[in-house]
Amino acid sequence: MKRRCTRSSRCPKIVLVEEFSDITQVEVVGEYRLRLTFADGTVGDVDFAGREWRGVFEPLSDPAYFARVAVDPEGGTIAWPKGVDMAPEPLYAEARQNLVHAAVTRH
């Protein structure tokens, strides 16, 4: 579990800590729909249908290119060819809202 610290806009002396987990697996489960697995065992779907892709993300408007997604283990997130990637924090938040199942850890 990683933590990212930010300053509160209302109380600048208070530091907010946001927890998130690295993405360890990605599976294309539909057009513009990904199933993400996180290091903490969270498994959830993220639906990108209907999003407008602009700037560096414009190539993602092609479903075939979008399906070329892979895990970037160094960044702990998902990425596409030519270095296009996404911040893991919002992906984690959305995946947690669309849980598929919790991974079982065996020792």
Protein backbone atom coordinates (compact mmCIF):
# COMPACT_ATOMS: atom_id res chain seq x y z
CA MET A 1 0.00 0.00 0.00
CA LYS A 2 1.41 3.37 -0.99
CA ARG A 3 0.54 6.68 0.55
CA ARG A 4 0.48 10.03 -1.11
CA CYS A 5 0.48 13.15 1.03
CA THR A 6 -1.17 16.44 0.11
CA ARG A 7 -1.86 19.62 2.02
CA SER A 8 -5.41 20.47 2.99
CA SER A 9 -6.69 23.53 1.12
CA ARG A 10 -8.73 24.61 4.14
CA CYS A 11 -6.03 24.01 6.75
CA PRO A 12 -2.59 24.17 5.10
CA LYS A 13 -0.82 22.82 8.18
CA ILE A 14 -2.82 19.58 7.96
CA VAL A 15 -1.43 16.92 5.65
CA LEU A 16 -3.95 14.55 4.04
CA VAL A 17 -2.82 10.98 3.37
CA GLU A 18 -4.42 9.12 0.49
CA GLU A 19 -3.82 5.38 0.35
CA PHE A 20 -3.73 3.43 -2.87
CA SER A 21 -2.30 0.21 -4.18
CA ASP A 22 -0.27 -0.63 -7.28
CA ILE A 23 -2.03 -2.22 -10.24
CA THR A 24 -0.65 -5.73 -10.72
CA GLN A 25 -2.90 -7.05 -13.50
CA VAL A 26 -5.15 -5.66 -16.23
CA GLU A 27 -7.66 -7.51 -18.38
CA VAL A 28 -9.75 -6.08 -21.22
CA VAL A 29 -13.29 -7.28 -20.46
CA GLY A 30 -15.20 -5.23 -23.05
CA GLU A 31 -14.82 -2.32 -25.39
CA TYR A 32 -13.34 0.42 -23.20
CA ARG A 33 -13.82 -1.69 -20.06
CA LEU A 34 -10.90 -2.93 -17.96
CA ARG A 35 -10.70 -5.28 -14.99
CA LEU A 36 -7.91 -4.11 -12.70
CA THR A 37 -6.25 -6.13 -9.96
CA PHE A 38 -4.37 -4.25 -7.24
CA ALA A 39 -1.57 -5.38 -4.94
CA ASP A 40 -3.92 -5.27 -1.93
CA GLY A 41 -6.24 -7.86 -3.55
CA THR A 42 -8.86 -5.40 -4.81
CA VAL A 43 -10.32 -6.45 -8.17
CA GLY A 44 -12.68 -4.07 -9.91
CA ASP A 45 -13.90 -2.93 -13.29
CA VAL A 46 -13.30 0.52 -14.73
CA ASP A 47 -15.52 1.61 -17.63
CA PHE A 48 -14.04 4.20 -19.99
CA ALA A 49 -16.96 4.17 -22.48
CA GLY A 50 -18.19 7.61 -23.41
CA ARG A 51 -15.01 9.41 -22.37
CA GLU A 52 -13.61 12.04 -24.69
CA TRP A 53 -9.95 11.35 -25.41
CA ARG A 54 -7.92 14.49 -26.03
CA GLY A 55 -4.27 15.45 -26.19
CA VAL A 56 -1.89 12.59 -25.39
CA PHE A 57 -4.92 10.36 -24.74
CA GLU A 58 -6.42 10.84 -28.23
CA PRO A 59 -5.03 7.51 -29.56
CA LEU A 60 -7.18 5.74 -26.92
CA SER A 61 -10.27 6.65 -28.98
CA ASP A 62 -9.35 3.68 -31.21
CA PRO A 63 -10.72 0.54 -29.47
CA ALA A 64 -7.92 -1.62 -30.91
CA TYR A 65 -5.28 0.72 -29.49
CA PHE A 66 -7.11 0.97 -26.16
CA ALA A 67 -7.04 -2.85 -25.94
CA ARG A 68 -3.20 -2.77 -26.08
CA VAL A 69 -3.14 -1.72 -22.41
CA ALA A 70 -0.55 -3.32 -20.13
CA VAL A 71 0.65 -3.01 -16.55
CA ASP A 72 3.58 -0.65 -15.98
CA PRO A 73 5.19 -2.31 -12.93
CA GLU A 74 7.54 0.62 -12.30
CA GLY A 75 4.67 3.10 -12.14
CA GLY A 76 2.22 0.71 -10.51
CA THR A 77 -0.38 1.65 -13.08
CA ILE A 78 -1.63 0.89 -16.58
CA ALA A 79 0.02 2.16 -19.74
CA TRP A 80 -0.21 2.01 -23.51
CA PRO A 81 2.45 2.09 -26.23
CA LYS A 82 4.30 5.40 -26.65
CA GLY A 83 4.28 6.07 -22.90
CA VAL A 84 0.64 6.98 -22.36
CA ASP A 85 -0.36 6.10 -18.80
CA MET A 86 -2.91 7.01 -16.15
CA ALA A 87 -2.61 7.96 -12.50
CA PRO A 88 -3.42 4.92 -10.34
CA GLU A 89 -5.33 6.81 -7.60
CA PRO A 90 -8.55 7.54 -9.55
CA LEU A 91 -8.40 4.07 -11.12
CA TYR A 92 -8.24 2.53 -7.63
CA ALA A 93 -11.16 4.66 -6.43
CA GLU A 94 -13.33 3.72 -9.41
CA ALA A 95 -12.40 0.03 -9.23
CA ARG A 96 -13.42 -0.01 -5.55
CA GLN A 97 -16.85 1.28 -6.60
CA ASN A 98 -17.20 -1.59 -9.11
CA LEU A 99 -15.75 -4.55 -7.24
CA VAL A 100 -15.68 -7.92 -8.98
CA HIS A 101 -14.31 -10.07 -6.18
CA ALA A 102 -11.62 -9.99 -3.54
CA ALA A 103 -8.54 -12.03 -4.25
CA VAL A 104 -7.83 -14.77 -1.74
CA THR A 105 -4.35 -14.81 -0.23
CA ARG A 106 -2.97 -18.22 0.71
CA HIS A 107 0.04 -18.75 2.93
